[in-house]
Amino acid sequence: MKRLIGLAAIVLAVPVGVGAQETGNDARLLQCREIERKSQRLECFDEAMDAIFGVDEIAEAERQELQRDNFGNLAADQQDVADDFTGTITHVDFNQTYNILRFQLDNGSVWEAKSSGSLRYGFFQPGEQVTIERGALGTFKLSIAGKRGWRGVKRID
């Protein structure tokens, strides 16, 4: 009988002890709820959950892939966009009548070469390794590995 009473006392005391612990995570989650912008609120909740449970490697890989895919997409949220992109040209289409060069990269994005820059249109060939970086005022600059110069580009799709 004494064992049963002792066991009951332990079982009833444990939830009170666990509930009394203050970790600071509750306050952090409440702060996240007060953020109005959805993307910032989601980022706050992600950071709070990472602090509680640890970093989720799969979710982190998906975030990095999203940033890579959104590169050059001006409609995407700025925190979901990478600073630069390195890829391979898979298809080139040049319209001689209007002097428009469009090309597709290995991630499926379609870009159009602008008139700015010194990189010649003849350098745009399938299989070429390219790097696209952010320029000033929302512009993008493309450079081709092993070639001198750059060309202004704009993402079409």
N, C-alpha and C. Protein backbone atom coordinates (compact mmCIF):
# COMPACT_ATOMS: atom_id res chain seq x y z
N MET A 1 0.81 -1.18 0.00
CA MET A 1 0.00 0.00 0.00
C MET A 1 0.87 1.26 0.00
N LYS A 2 1.97 1.24 0.77
CA LYS A 2 2.87 2.38 0.81
C LYS A 2 3.52 2.59 -0.56
N ARG A 3 3.83 1.49 -1.25
CA ARG A 3 4.42 1.59 -2.59
C ARG A 3 3.45 2.27 -3.56
N LEU A 4 2.18 1.89 -3.48
CA LEU A 4 1.17 2.45 -4.36
C LEU A 4 1.00 3.95 -4.11
N ILE A 5 1.00 4.35 -2.86
CA ILE A 5 0.88 5.77 -2.54
C ILE A 5 2.12 6.53 -3.00
N GLY A 6 3.29 5.95 -2.81
CA GLY A 6 4.54 6.57 -3.26
C GLY A 6 4.58 6.72 -4.77
N LEU A 7 4.14 5.68 -5.49
CA LEU A 7 4.10 5.72 -6.95
C LEU A 7 3.11 6.78 -7.44
N ALA A 8 1.96 6.87 -6.79
CA ALA A 8 0.96 7.87 -7.17
C ALA A 8 1.50 9.28 -6.93
N ALA A 9 2.22 9.47 -5.83
CA ALA A 9 2.79 10.79 -5.53
C ALA A 9 3.81 11.19 -6.59
N ILE A 10 4.62 10.24 -7.05
CA ILE A 10 5.62 10.54 -8.08
C ILE A 10 4.95 10.87 -9.41
N VAL A 11 3.95 10.08 -9.79
CA VAL A 11 3.25 10.30 -11.06
C VAL A 11 2.57 11.65 -11.07
N LEU A 12 1.97 12.05 -9.96
CA LEU A 12 1.29 13.33 -9.90
C LEU A 12 2.26 14.51 -9.82
N ALA A 13 3.44 14.30 -9.26
CA ALA A 13 4.40 15.38 -9.09
C ALA A 13 5.18 15.66 -10.37
N VAL A 14 5.39 14.66 -11.22
CA VAL A 14 6.21 14.84 -12.43
C VAL A 14 5.61 15.88 -13.39
N PRO A 15 4.32 15.83 -13.73
CA PRO A 15 3.80 16.85 -14.64
C PRO A 15 3.92 18.27 -14.09
N VAL A 16 3.79 18.43 -12.80
CA VAL A 16 3.93 19.75 -12.20
C VAL A 16 5.36 20.24 -12.36
N GLY A 17 6.32 19.38 -12.14
CA GLY A 17 7.73 19.75 -12.28
C GLY A 17 8.10 20.07 -13.71
N VAL A 18 7.60 19.28 -14.65
CA VAL A 18 7.89 19.52 -16.06
C VAL A 18 7.26 20.83 -16.52
N GLY A 19 6.04 21.09 -16.09
CA GLY A 19 5.34 22.32 -16.49
C GLY A 19 5.97 23.55 -15.87
N ALA A 20 6.65 23.41 -14.75
CA ALA A 20 7.22 24.55 -14.07
C ALA A 20 8.53 25.00 -14.71
N GLN A 21 9.15 24.16 -15.55
CA GLN A 21 10.42 24.53 -16.17
C GLN A 21 10.18 25.62 -17.21
N GLU A 22 10.98 26.65 -17.16
CA GLU A 22 10.89 27.75 -18.11
C GLU A 22 12.14 27.72 -18.98
N THR A 23 11.96 27.50 -20.27
CA THR A 23 13.10 27.39 -21.17
C THR A 23 13.35 28.65 -21.97
N GLY A 24 12.42 29.56 -22.02
CA GLY A 24 12.57 30.76 -22.82
C GLY A 24 12.05 30.59 -24.24
N ASN A 25 11.77 29.35 -24.63
CA ASN A 25 11.26 29.11 -25.98
C ASN A 25 9.83 29.60 -26.13
N ASP A 26 9.06 29.56 -25.03
CA ASP A 26 7.67 30.04 -25.10
C ASP A 26 7.63 31.52 -25.47
N ALA A 27 8.49 32.30 -24.85
CA ALA A 27 8.53 33.73 -25.14
C ALA A 27 8.95 33.98 -26.58
N ARG A 28 9.88 33.17 -27.06
CA ARG A 28 10.35 33.33 -28.44
C ARG A 28 9.23 33.01 -29.44
N LEU A 29 8.46 31.97 -29.16
CA LEU A 29 7.34 31.61 -30.03
C LEU A 29 6.25 32.68 -30.00
N LEU A 30 6.02 33.27 -28.83
CA LEU A 30 5.03 34.35 -28.74
C LEU A 30 5.48 35.58 -29.52
N GLN A 31 6.79 35.86 -29.51
CA GLN A 31 7.30 36.97 -30.30
C GLN A 31 7.10 36.72 -31.79
N CYS A 32 7.28 35.47 -32.21
CA CYS A 32 7.09 35.12 -33.63
C CYS A 32 5.64 35.35 -34.05
N ARG A 33 4.70 35.07 -33.17
CA ARG A 33 3.29 35.24 -33.50
C ARG A 33 2.93 36.69 -33.78
N GLU A 34 3.69 37.63 -33.21
CA GLU A 34 3.38 39.04 -33.35
C GLU A 34 3.90 39.65 -34.65
N ILE A 35 4.74 38.94 -35.39
CA ILE A 35 5.30 39.46 -36.64
C ILE A 35 4.22 39.44 -37.71
N GLU A 36 4.04 40.56 -38.41
CA GLU A 36 2.95 40.68 -39.39
C GLU A 36 3.32 40.09 -40.75
N ARG A 37 4.53 40.28 -41.22
CA ARG A 37 4.93 39.80 -42.55
C ARG A 37 5.09 38.28 -42.51
N LYS A 38 4.40 37.60 -43.42
CA LYS A 38 4.35 36.14 -43.38
C LYS A 38 5.72 35.49 -43.52
N SER A 39 6.54 35.96 -44.44
CA SER A 39 7.83 35.32 -44.66
C SER A 39 8.74 35.50 -43.44
N GLN A 40 8.71 36.67 -42.81
CA GLN A 40 9.51 36.90 -41.62
C GLN A 40 8.99 36.08 -40.44
N ARG A 41 7.66 35.96 -40.33
CA ARG A 41 7.07 35.16 -39.26
C ARG A 41 7.46 33.70 -39.41
N LEU A 42 7.40 33.18 -40.64
CA LEU A 42 7.78 31.79 -40.88
C LEU A 42 9.25 31.55 -40.57
N GLU A 43 10.10 32.51 -40.95
CA GLU A 43 11.53 32.38 -40.65
C GLU A 43 11.77 32.37 -39.15
N CYS A 44 11.02 33.21 -38.41
CA CYS A 44 11.14 33.25 -36.95
C CYS A 44 10.74 31.92 -36.33
N PHE A 45 9.61 31.35 -36.79
CA PHE A 45 9.18 30.06 -36.28
C PHE A 45 10.19 28.96 -36.61
N ASP A 46 10.75 29.00 -37.82
CA ASP A 46 11.76 28.00 -38.20
C ASP A 46 12.97 28.07 -37.28
N GLU A 47 13.44 29.29 -37.00
CA GLU A 47 14.59 29.45 -36.11
C GLU A 47 14.28 28.98 -34.70
N ALA A 48 13.07 29.27 -34.22
CA ALA A 48 12.67 28.84 -32.88
C ALA A 48 12.60 27.32 -32.80
N MET A 49 12.04 26.70 -33.82
CA MET A 49 11.95 25.23 -33.83
C MET A 49 13.33 24.59 -33.96
N ASP A 50 14.22 25.22 -34.74
CA ASP A 50 15.59 24.71 -34.85
C ASP A 50 16.29 24.79 -33.50
N ALA A 51 16.01 25.85 -32.72
CA ALA A 51 16.61 25.98 -31.39
C ALA A 51 16.09 24.91 -30.44
N ILE A 52 14.82 24.53 -30.60
CA ILE A 52 14.22 23.53 -29.71
C ILE A 52 14.62 22.12 -30.12
N PHE A 53 14.46 21.80 -31.41
CA PHE A 53 14.63 20.42 -31.87
C PHE A 53 15.91 20.17 -32.65
N GLY A 54 16.66 21.20 -32.99
CA GLY A 54 17.85 21.03 -33.82
C GLY A 54 17.52 21.33 -35.27
N VAL A 55 18.55 21.47 -36.08
CA VAL A 55 18.38 21.83 -37.49
C VAL A 55 17.94 20.61 -38.29
N ASP A 56 16.95 20.81 -39.14
CA ASP A 56 16.46 19.75 -40.04
C ASP A 56 17.25 19.86 -41.35
N GLU A 57 18.13 18.89 -41.61
CA GLU A 57 19.00 18.95 -42.78
C GLU A 57 18.20 18.92 -44.08
N ILE A 58 17.11 18.17 -44.13
CA ILE A 58 16.30 18.08 -45.35
C ILE A 58 15.65 19.42 -45.64
N ALA A 59 15.08 20.05 -44.61
CA ALA A 59 14.44 21.36 -44.80
C ALA A 59 15.47 22.41 -45.22
N GLU A 60 16.67 22.35 -44.66
CA GLU A 60 17.72 23.30 -45.02
C GLU A 60 18.14 23.12 -46.47
N ALA A 61 18.24 21.87 -46.93
CA ALA A 61 18.57 21.61 -48.34
C ALA A 61 17.48 22.13 -49.26
N GLU A 62 16.21 21.98 -48.85
CA GLU A 62 15.10 22.49 -49.66
C GLU A 62 15.12 24.02 -49.73
N ARG A 63 15.50 24.69 -48.62
CA ARG A 63 15.61 26.14 -48.62
C ARG A 63 16.68 26.61 -49.61
N GLN A 64 17.83 25.91 -49.60
CA GLN A 64 18.91 26.29 -50.51
C GLN A 64 18.51 26.07 -51.96
N GLU A 65 17.79 24.99 -52.24
CA GLU A 65 17.32 24.72 -53.60
C GLU A 65 16.32 25.78 -54.05
N LEU A 66 15.45 26.22 -53.14
CA LEU A 66 14.49 27.27 -53.46
C LEU A 66 15.21 28.57 -53.79
N GLN A 67 16.25 28.91 -53.02
CA GLN A 67 17.01 30.12 -53.30
C GLN A 67 17.67 30.04 -54.67
N ARG A 68 18.19 28.87 -55.03
CA ARG A 68 18.85 28.68 -56.32
C ARG A 68 17.83 28.80 -57.46
N ASP A 69 16.65 28.22 -57.30
CA ASP A 69 15.63 28.25 -58.35
C ASP A 69 15.03 29.64 -58.53
N ASN A 70 14.97 30.42 -57.46
CA ASN A 70 14.37 31.76 -57.53
C ASN A 70 15.34 32.83 -58.01
N PHE A 71 16.59 32.46 -58.28
CA PHE A 71 17.57 33.47 -58.69
C PHE A 71 17.11 34.14 -59.97
N GLY A 72 17.07 35.45 -59.97
CA GLY A 72 16.66 36.22 -61.14
C GLY A 72 15.17 36.49 -61.21
N ASN A 73 14.40 35.87 -60.35
CA ASN A 73 12.95 36.08 -60.34
C ASN A 73 12.66 37.27 -59.44
N LEU A 74 12.34 38.40 -60.04
CA LEU A 74 12.15 39.63 -59.27
C LEU A 74 10.90 39.59 -58.41
N ALA A 75 9.94 38.71 -58.73
CA ALA A 75 8.72 38.62 -57.94
C ALA A 75 8.92 37.80 -56.67
N ALA A 76 9.99 37.05 -56.58
CA ALA A 76 10.24 36.21 -55.40
C ALA A 76 10.64 37.08 -54.21
N ASP A 77 10.37 36.58 -53.03
CA ASP A 77 10.76 37.28 -51.81
C ASP A 77 12.29 37.33 -51.74
N GLN A 78 12.86 38.46 -51.37
CA GLN A 78 14.31 38.65 -51.42
C GLN A 78 15.08 37.66 -50.57
N GLN A 79 14.53 37.19 -49.47
CA GLN A 79 15.25 36.24 -48.64
C GLN A 79 15.26 34.84 -49.26
N ASP A 80 14.40 34.61 -50.24
CA ASP A 80 14.34 33.31 -50.91
C ASP A 80 15.16 33.30 -52.20
N VAL A 81 16.09 34.24 -52.36
CA VAL A 81 16.86 34.35 -53.59
C VAL A 81 18.35 34.29 -53.26
N ALA A 82 19.11 33.53 -54.05
CA ALA A 82 20.55 33.43 -53.86
C ALA A 82 21.24 34.69 -54.39
N ASP A 83 22.51 34.90 -54.01
CA ASP A 83 23.26 36.07 -54.46
C ASP A 83 23.84 35.90 -55.86
N ASP A 84 24.15 34.67 -56.23
CA ASP A 84 24.64 34.40 -57.58
C ASP A 84 24.24 32.99 -57.98
N PHE A 85 24.45 32.68 -59.25
CA PHE A 85 24.04 31.38 -59.77
C PHE A 85 25.09 30.91 -60.76
N THR A 86 25.47 29.65 -60.66
CA THR A 86 26.38 29.03 -61.62
C THR A 86 25.66 27.85 -62.24
N GLY A 87 25.63 27.82 -63.56
CA GLY A 87 24.93 26.75 -64.26
C GLY A 87 25.50 26.54 -65.65
N THR A 88 24.82 25.70 -66.41
CA THR A 88 25.26 25.34 -67.76
C THR A 88 24.17 25.71 -68.75
N ILE A 89 24.56 26.28 -69.88
CA ILE A 89 23.61 26.60 -70.94
C ILE A 89 23.18 25.30 -71.61
N THR A 90 21.86 25.09 -71.72
CA THR A 90 21.35 23.88 -72.37
C THR A 90 20.77 24.16 -73.75
N HIS A 91 20.30 25.38 -73.99
CA HIS A 91 19.69 25.71 -75.28
C HIS A 91 19.89 27.19 -75.57
N VAL A 92 20.19 27.51 -76.84
CA VAL A 92 20.39 28.90 -77.25
C VAL A 92 19.50 29.18 -78.46
N ASP A 93 18.82 30.33 -78.44
CA ASP A 93 17.97 30.75 -79.56
C ASP A 93 18.30 32.20 -79.89
N PHE A 94 18.77 32.44 -81.12
CA PHE A 94 19.15 33.79 -81.54
C PHE A 94 18.26 34.23 -82.69
N ASN A 95 17.55 35.33 -82.51
CA ASN A 95 16.70 35.91 -83.54
C ASN A 95 17.49 37.02 -84.21
N GLN A 96 17.96 36.77 -85.45
CA GLN A 96 18.81 37.74 -86.14
C GLN A 96 18.05 38.98 -86.57
N THR A 97 16.76 38.83 -86.85
CA THR A 97 15.96 39.97 -87.28
C THR A 97 15.91 41.05 -86.20
N TYR A 98 15.65 40.64 -84.98
CA TYR A 98 15.52 41.59 -83.87
C TYR A 98 16.76 41.63 -82.97
N ASN A 99 17.76 40.83 -83.32
CA ASN A 99 19.01 40.78 -82.56
C ASN A 99 18.76 40.44 -81.09
N ILE A 100 17.94 39.41 -80.86
CA ILE A 100 17.59 38.97 -79.51
C ILE A 100 18.16 37.57 -79.28
N LEU A 101 18.93 37.42 -78.21
CA LEU A 101 19.48 36.12 -77.86
C LEU A 101 18.84 35.65 -76.56
N ARG A 102 18.21 34.50 -76.62
CA ARG A 102 17.63 33.88 -75.42
C ARG A 102 18.30 32.54 -75.21
N PHE A 103 18.48 32.17 -73.95
CA PHE A 103 19.12 30.90 -73.64
C PHE A 103 18.47 30.29 -72.41
N GLN A 104 18.58 28.97 -72.31
CA GLN A 104 18.02 28.23 -71.18
C GLN A 104 19.16 27.60 -70.40
N LEU A 105 19.03 27.62 -69.08
CA LEU A 105 20.04 27.02 -68.21
C LEU A 105 19.58 25.65 -67.72
N ASP A 106 20.49 24.93 -67.09
CA ASP A 106 20.20 23.56 -66.66
C ASP A 106 19.13 23.48 -65.57
N ASN A 107 18.81 24.58 -64.89
CA ASN A 107 17.73 24.55 -63.90
C ASN A 107 16.37 24.87 -64.52
N GLY A 108 16.33 25.09 -65.84
CA GLY A 108 15.08 25.35 -66.53
C GLY A 108 14.74 26.82 -66.71
N SER A 109 15.52 27.72 -66.12
CA SER A 109 15.23 29.15 -66.25
C SER A 109 15.65 29.64 -67.64
N VAL A 110 14.86 30.58 -68.18
CA VAL A 110 15.12 31.15 -69.50
C VAL A 110 15.54 32.61 -69.31
N TRP A 111 16.62 33.00 -69.97
CA TRP A 111 17.20 34.33 -69.84
C TRP A 111 17.33 34.98 -71.21
N GLU A 112 17.36 36.31 -71.23
CA GLU A 112 17.56 37.07 -72.46
C GLU A 112 18.78 37.96 -72.27
N ALA A 113 19.70 37.92 -73.25
CA ALA A 113 20.89 38.77 -73.20
C ALA A 113 20.51 40.19 -73.60
N LYS A 114 21.02 41.15 -72.86
CA LYS A 114 20.75 42.57 -73.13
C LYS A 114 21.92 43.16 -73.92
N SER A 115 21.80 44.41 -74.29
CA SER A 115 22.84 45.05 -75.10
C SER A 115 24.03 45.50 -74.27
N SER A 116 23.90 45.55 -72.95
CA SER A 116 25.00 46.02 -72.11
C SER A 116 26.07 44.95 -71.95
N GLY A 117 27.32 45.38 -71.89
CA GLY A 117 28.42 44.47 -71.67
C GLY A 117 29.23 44.24 -72.93
N SER A 118 30.35 43.53 -72.77
CA SER A 118 31.28 43.33 -73.88
C SER A 118 31.37 41.87 -74.34
N LEU A 119 30.66 40.97 -73.72
CA LEU A 119 30.71 39.55 -74.08
C LEU A 119 29.92 39.33 -75.37
N ARG A 120 30.56 38.74 -76.37
CA ARG A 120 29.92 38.57 -77.68
C ARG A 120 28.87 37.48 -77.65
N TYR A 121 27.85 37.64 -78.51
CA TYR A 121 26.78 36.65 -78.61
C TYR A 121 27.30 35.29 -79.07
N GLY A 122 28.37 35.26 -79.83
CA GLY A 122 28.92 34.01 -80.34
C GLY A 122 29.44 33.08 -79.26
N PHE A 123 29.70 33.63 -78.07
CA PHE A 123 30.19 32.81 -76.97
C PHE A 123 29.09 31.99 -76.30
N PHE A 124 27.84 32.32 -76.57
CA PHE A 124 26.72 31.61 -75.95
C PHE A 124 26.47 30.31 -76.71
N GLN A 125 26.97 29.22 -76.17
CA GLN A 125 26.83 27.91 -76.81
C GLN A 125 26.33 26.90 -75.77
N PRO A 126 25.54 25.91 -76.18
CA PRO A 126 25.13 24.86 -75.23
C PRO A 126 26.36 24.16 -74.65
N GLY A 127 26.30 23.92 -73.35
CA GLY A 127 27.41 23.27 -72.65
C GLY A 127 28.36 24.24 -71.96
N GLU A 128 28.24 25.53 -72.25
CA GLU A 128 29.11 26.53 -71.61
C GLU A 128 28.71 26.72 -70.15
N GLN A 129 29.70 26.82 -69.29
CA GLN A 129 29.50 27.06 -67.86
C GLN A 129 29.40 28.57 -67.65
N VAL A 130 28.29 29.05 -67.06
CA VAL A 130 28.08 30.48 -66.87
C VAL A 130 27.85 30.80 -65.39
N THR A 131 28.17 32.03 -65.04
CA THR A 131 27.89 32.55 -63.70
C THR A 131 27.10 33.84 -63.86
N ILE A 132 25.97 33.92 -63.17
CA ILE A 132 25.14 35.13 -63.21
C ILE A 132 25.16 35.73 -61.81
N GLU A 133 25.50 37.02 -61.74
CA GLU A 133 25.59 37.72 -60.46
C GLU A 133 24.63 38.91 -60.46
N ARG A 134 24.24 39.32 -59.27
CA ARG A 134 23.39 40.50 -59.13
C ARG A 134 24.22 41.74 -59.40
N GLY A 135 23.63 42.66 -60.15
CA GLY A 135 24.25 43.96 -60.39
C GLY A 135 23.50 45.03 -59.60
N ALA A 136 23.72 46.26 -59.98
CA ALA A 136 23.05 47.37 -59.31
C ALA A 136 21.62 47.52 -59.82
N LEU A 137 20.74 47.97 -58.95
CA LEU A 137 19.36 48.31 -59.30
C LEU A 137 18.59 47.16 -59.95
N GLY A 138 18.78 45.96 -59.46
CA GLY A 138 18.00 44.82 -59.95
C GLY A 138 18.48 44.24 -61.26
N THR A 139 19.67 44.60 -61.72
CA THR A 139 20.20 44.04 -62.96
C THR A 139 21.00 42.78 -62.67
N PHE A 140 21.31 42.03 -63.73
CA PHE A 140 22.10 40.81 -63.59
C PHE A 140 23.20 40.81 -64.64
N LYS A 141 24.38 40.30 -64.26
CA LYS A 141 25.53 40.23 -65.15
C LYS A 141 25.92 38.76 -65.33
N LEU A 142 26.13 38.38 -66.59
CA LEU A 142 26.53 37.01 -66.91
C LEU A 142 27.98 37.01 -67.36
N SER A 143 28.74 36.04 -66.86
CA SER A 143 30.10 35.82 -67.35
C SER A 143 30.23 34.34 -67.68
N ILE A 144 31.04 34.05 -68.69
CA ILE A 144 31.25 32.67 -69.12
C ILE A 144 32.65 32.25 -68.70
N ALA A 145 32.76 31.04 -68.14
CA ALA A 145 34.05 30.53 -67.66
C ALA A 145 35.04 30.48 -68.82
N GLY A 146 36.23 31.05 -68.61
CA GLY A 146 37.27 31.04 -69.61
C GLY A 146 37.18 32.15 -70.64
N LYS A 147 36.18 33.01 -70.56
CA LYS A 147 35.99 34.11 -71.50
C LYS A 147 36.10 35.44 -70.75
N ARG A 148 36.60 36.46 -71.44
CA ARG A 148 36.71 37.77 -70.83
C ARG A 148 35.45 38.57 -71.10
N GLY A 149 35.07 39.40 -70.17
CA GLY A 149 33.93 40.28 -70.33
C GLY A 149 32.68 39.74 -69.66
N TRP A 150 31.61 40.51 -69.79
CA TRP A 150 30.32 40.15 -69.19
C TRP A 150 29.22 40.65 -70.12
N ARG A 151 28.01 40.19 -69.87
CA ARG A 151 26.85 40.62 -70.65
C ARG A 151 25.69 40.79 -69.68
N GLY A 152 24.95 41.87 -69.81
CA GLY A 152 23.75 42.07 -69.01
C GLY A 152 22.67 41.10 -69.45
N VAL A 153 21.96 40.50 -68.50
CA VAL A 153 20.91 39.53 -68.82
C VAL A 153 19.67 39.84 -68.00
N LYS A 154 18.55 39.31 -68.47
CA LYS A 154 17.26 39.48 -67.80
C LYS A 154 16.55 38.13 -67.81
N ARG A 155 16.00 37.73 -66.67
CA ARG A 155 15.29 36.45 -66.61
C ARG A 155 13.90 36.62 -67.23
N ILE A 156 13.57 35.70 -68.16
CA ILE A 156 12.29 35.72 -68.85
C ILE A 156 11.32 34.75 -68.18
N ASP A 157 11.79 33.55 -67.87
CA ASP A 157 10.94 32.52 -67.27
C ASP A 157 11.74 31.70 -66.29
